[in-house]
Amino acid sequence: MAISNELSSDVAVALLAKEKSPQELKQLKDIILQVHSALQEMSDETRSGRLKKSSPKANAKATK
């Protein structure tokens, strides 16, 4: 999750670097939240994939 947070922060800084109208800020906030959610989902999927690979049951099945 740390990577998703860091990347989301970088995206937020890049998008908010210039002065924006309140309407633009709301749109950018929505984009930032979508990016963060997508990155977090990817992190969760990667984490669960790694856990499956390292579980004893998965290793036992792979060796049969």
N, C-alpha and C. Protein backbone atom coordinates (compact mmCIF):
# COMPACT_ATOMS: atom_id res chain seq x y z
N MET A 1 0.82 -1.19 0.00
CA MET A 1 0.00 0.00 0.00
C MET A 1 0.86 1.25 0.00
N ALA A 2 2.07 1.17 0.47
CA ALA A 2 2.93 2.34 0.53
C ALA A 2 3.21 2.89 -0.87
N ILE A 3 3.40 2.00 -1.83
CA ILE A 3 3.67 2.44 -3.20
C ILE A 3 2.46 3.16 -3.77
N SER A 4 1.27 2.63 -3.53
CA SER A 4 0.06 3.28 -4.05
C SER A 4 -0.12 4.66 -3.41
N ASN A 5 0.18 4.77 -2.13
CA ASN A 5 0.08 6.08 -1.47
C ASN A 5 1.09 7.07 -2.03
N GLU A 6 2.31 6.60 -2.22
CA GLU A 6 3.36 7.47 -2.74
C GLU A 6 3.05 7.94 -4.16
N LEU A 7 2.64 7.01 -5.01
CA LEU A 7 2.31 7.38 -6.40
C LEU A 7 1.10 8.30 -6.44
N SER A 8 0.11 8.04 -5.60
CA SER A 8 -1.07 8.90 -5.54
C SER A 8 -0.67 10.31 -5.13
N SER A 9 0.25 10.41 -4.17
CA SER A 9 0.72 11.72 -3.74
C SER A 9 1.44 12.45 -4.86
N ASP A 10 2.28 11.71 -5.60
CA ASP A 10 3.00 12.31 -6.73
C ASP A 10 2.02 12.81 -7.80
N VAL A 11 1.00 12.02 -8.08
CA VAL A 11 -0.01 12.42 -9.06
C VAL A 11 -0.74 13.66 -8.56
N ALA A 12 -1.10 13.68 -7.30
CA ALA A 12 -1.81 14.82 -6.73
C ALA A 12 -0.97 16.09 -6.82
N VAL A 13 0.29 15.99 -6.48
CA VAL A 13 1.18 17.16 -6.54
C VAL A 13 1.28 17.67 -7.97
N ALA A 14 1.45 16.76 -8.92
CA ALA A 14 1.58 17.16 -10.32
C ALA A 14 0.30 17.83 -10.82
N LEU A 15 -0.84 17.29 -10.45
CA LEU A 15 -2.11 17.85 -10.93
C LEU A 15 -2.45 19.18 -10.25
N LEU A 16 -2.03 19.34 -9.03
CA LEU A 16 -2.42 20.53 -8.27
C LEU A 16 -1.33 21.61 -8.25
N ALA A 17 -0.28 21.44 -9.06
CA ALA A 17 0.85 22.36 -9.03
C ALA A 17 0.49 23.78 -9.47
N LYS A 18 -0.46 23.91 -10.35
CA LYS A 18 -0.85 25.23 -10.83
C LYS A 18 -2.17 25.65 -10.20
N GLU A 19 -2.42 26.95 -10.19
CA GLU A 19 -3.68 27.44 -9.64
C GLU A 19 -4.85 26.93 -10.47
N LYS A 20 -5.88 26.51 -9.76
CA LYS A 20 -7.06 25.95 -10.41
C LYS A 20 -8.31 26.59 -9.82
N SER A 21 -9.37 26.57 -10.60
CA SER A 21 -10.66 27.04 -10.11
C SER A 21 -11.24 25.96 -9.19
N PRO A 22 -12.19 26.33 -8.34
CA PRO A 22 -12.81 25.33 -7.46
C PRO A 22 -13.41 24.15 -8.24
N GLN A 23 -13.98 24.43 -9.40
CA GLN A 23 -14.56 23.37 -10.23
C GLN A 23 -13.47 22.41 -10.72
N GLU A 24 -12.37 22.98 -11.18
CA GLU A 24 -11.25 22.15 -11.65
C GLU A 24 -10.67 21.33 -10.50
N LEU A 25 -10.59 21.92 -9.31
CA LEU A 25 -10.06 21.20 -8.16
C LEU A 25 -10.93 20.01 -7.80
N LYS A 26 -12.24 20.17 -7.90
CA LYS A 26 -13.14 19.04 -7.61
C LYS A 26 -12.93 17.92 -8.63
N GLN A 27 -12.80 18.28 -9.90
CA GLN A 27 -12.57 17.27 -10.93
C GLN A 27 -11.24 16.56 -10.70
N LEU A 28 -10.22 17.33 -10.35
CA LEU A 28 -8.91 16.73 -10.10
C LEU A 28 -8.93 15.83 -8.87
N LYS A 29 -9.68 16.24 -7.85
CA LYS A 29 -9.81 15.41 -6.65
C LYS A 29 -10.41 14.05 -7.01
N ASP A 30 -11.42 14.07 -7.86
CA ASP A 30 -12.04 12.81 -8.29
C ASP A 30 -11.05 11.94 -9.05
N ILE A 31 -10.25 12.55 -9.90
CA ILE A 31 -9.24 11.81 -10.66
C ILE A 31 -8.21 11.21 -9.72
N ILE A 32 -7.77 12.00 -8.76
CA ILE A 32 -6.76 11.53 -7.80
C ILE A 32 -7.30 10.35 -7.00
N LEU A 33 -8.54 10.44 -6.58
CA LEU A 33 -9.15 9.33 -5.82
C LEU A 33 -9.26 8.07 -6.68
N GLN A 34 -9.58 8.23 -7.96
CA GLN A 34 -9.66 7.08 -8.86
C GLN A 34 -8.29 6.43 -9.06
N VAL A 35 -7.28 7.27 -9.22
CA VAL A 35 -5.91 6.76 -9.39
C VAL A 35 -5.49 6.00 -8.13
N HIS A 36 -5.74 6.60 -6.98
CA HIS A 36 -5.36 5.96 -5.73
C HIS A 36 -6.08 4.62 -5.56
N SER A 37 -7.36 4.59 -5.85
CA SER A 37 -8.13 3.35 -5.72
C SER A 37 -7.60 2.27 -6.65
N ALA A 38 -7.30 2.66 -7.89
CA ALA A 38 -6.77 1.69 -8.86
C ALA A 38 -5.41 1.15 -8.41
N LEU A 39 -4.55 2.03 -7.93
CA LEU A 39 -3.23 1.59 -7.46
C LEU A 39 -3.36 0.70 -6.24
N GLN A 40 -4.28 1.02 -5.36
CA GLN A 40 -4.47 0.20 -4.16
C GLN A 40 -5.00 -1.18 -4.53
N GLU A 41 -5.92 -1.25 -5.48
CA GLU A 41 -6.43 -2.55 -5.93
C GLU A 41 -5.31 -3.38 -6.54
N MET A 42 -4.47 -2.73 -7.34
CA MET A 42 -3.34 -3.45 -7.94
C MET A 42 -2.41 -3.97 -6.85
N SER A 43 -2.16 -3.16 -5.83
CA SER A 43 -1.29 -3.58 -4.73
C SER A 43 -1.91 -4.76 -3.99
N ASP A 44 -3.22 -4.70 -3.75
CA ASP A 44 -3.91 -5.79 -3.05
C ASP A 44 -3.84 -7.08 -3.86
N GLU A 45 -4.05 -6.99 -5.18
CA GLU A 45 -3.99 -8.16 -6.04
C GLU A 45 -2.59 -8.75 -6.05
N THR A 46 -1.59 -7.90 -6.11
CA THR A 46 -0.21 -8.37 -6.11
C THR A 46 0.12 -9.05 -4.80
N ARG A 47 -0.31 -8.44 -3.70
CA ARG A 47 -0.05 -9.00 -2.38
C ARG A 47 -0.71 -10.38 -2.25
N SER A 48 -1.97 -10.49 -2.66
CA SER A 48 -2.65 -11.78 -2.54
C SER A 48 -2.02 -12.81 -3.47
N GLY A 49 -1.55 -12.39 -4.62
CA GLY A 49 -0.85 -13.30 -5.53
C GLY A 49 0.43 -13.83 -4.93
N ARG A 50 1.17 -12.95 -4.26
CA ARG A 50 2.41 -13.38 -3.61
C ARG A 50 2.12 -14.34 -2.46
N LEU A 51 1.04 -14.05 -1.71
CA LEU A 51 0.68 -14.93 -0.60
C LEU A 51 0.30 -16.32 -1.10
N LYS A 52 -0.43 -16.37 -2.21
CA LYS A 52 -0.82 -17.66 -2.78
C LYS A 52 0.41 -18.45 -3.22
N LYS A 53 1.37 -17.77 -3.81
CA LYS A 53 2.58 -18.45 -4.29
C LYS A 53 3.40 -18.99 -3.12
N SER A 54 3.40 -18.30 -1.99
CA SER A 54 4.25 -18.71 -0.88
C SER A 54 3.54 -19.62 0.11
N SER A 55 2.24 -19.90 -0.10
CA SER A 55 1.53 -20.77 0.84
C SER A 55 1.98 -22.22 0.64
N PRO A 56 2.03 -22.99 1.73
CA PRO A 56 2.46 -24.41 1.61
C PRO A 56 1.57 -25.22 0.69
N LYS A 57 0.26 -24.99 0.69
CA LYS A 57 -0.64 -25.74 -0.18
C LYS A 57 -0.32 -25.49 -1.64
N ALA A 58 -0.06 -24.22 -1.99
CA ALA A 58 0.26 -23.89 -3.37
C ALA A 58 1.58 -24.55 -3.78
N ASN A 59 2.55 -24.56 -2.87
CA ASN A 59 3.84 -25.19 -3.17
C ASN A 59 3.70 -26.70 -3.31
N ALA A 60 2.86 -27.32 -2.49
CA ALA A 60 2.67 -28.78 -2.56
C ALA A 60 2.00 -29.16 -3.88
N LYS A 61 1.02 -28.38 -4.31
CA LYS A 61 0.35 -28.66 -5.57
C LYS A 61 1.29 -28.47 -6.76
N ALA A 62 2.16 -27.48 -6.66
CA ALA A 62 3.07 -27.19 -7.76
C ALA A 62 4.11 -28.30 -7.94
N THR A 63 4.45 -29.01 -6.86
CA THR A 63 5.48 -30.04 -6.97
C THR A 63 4.91 -31.38 -7.39
N LYS A 64 3.58 -31.54 -7.36
CA LYS A 64 2.96 -32.83 -7.76
C LYS A 64 2.89 -32.98 -9.24
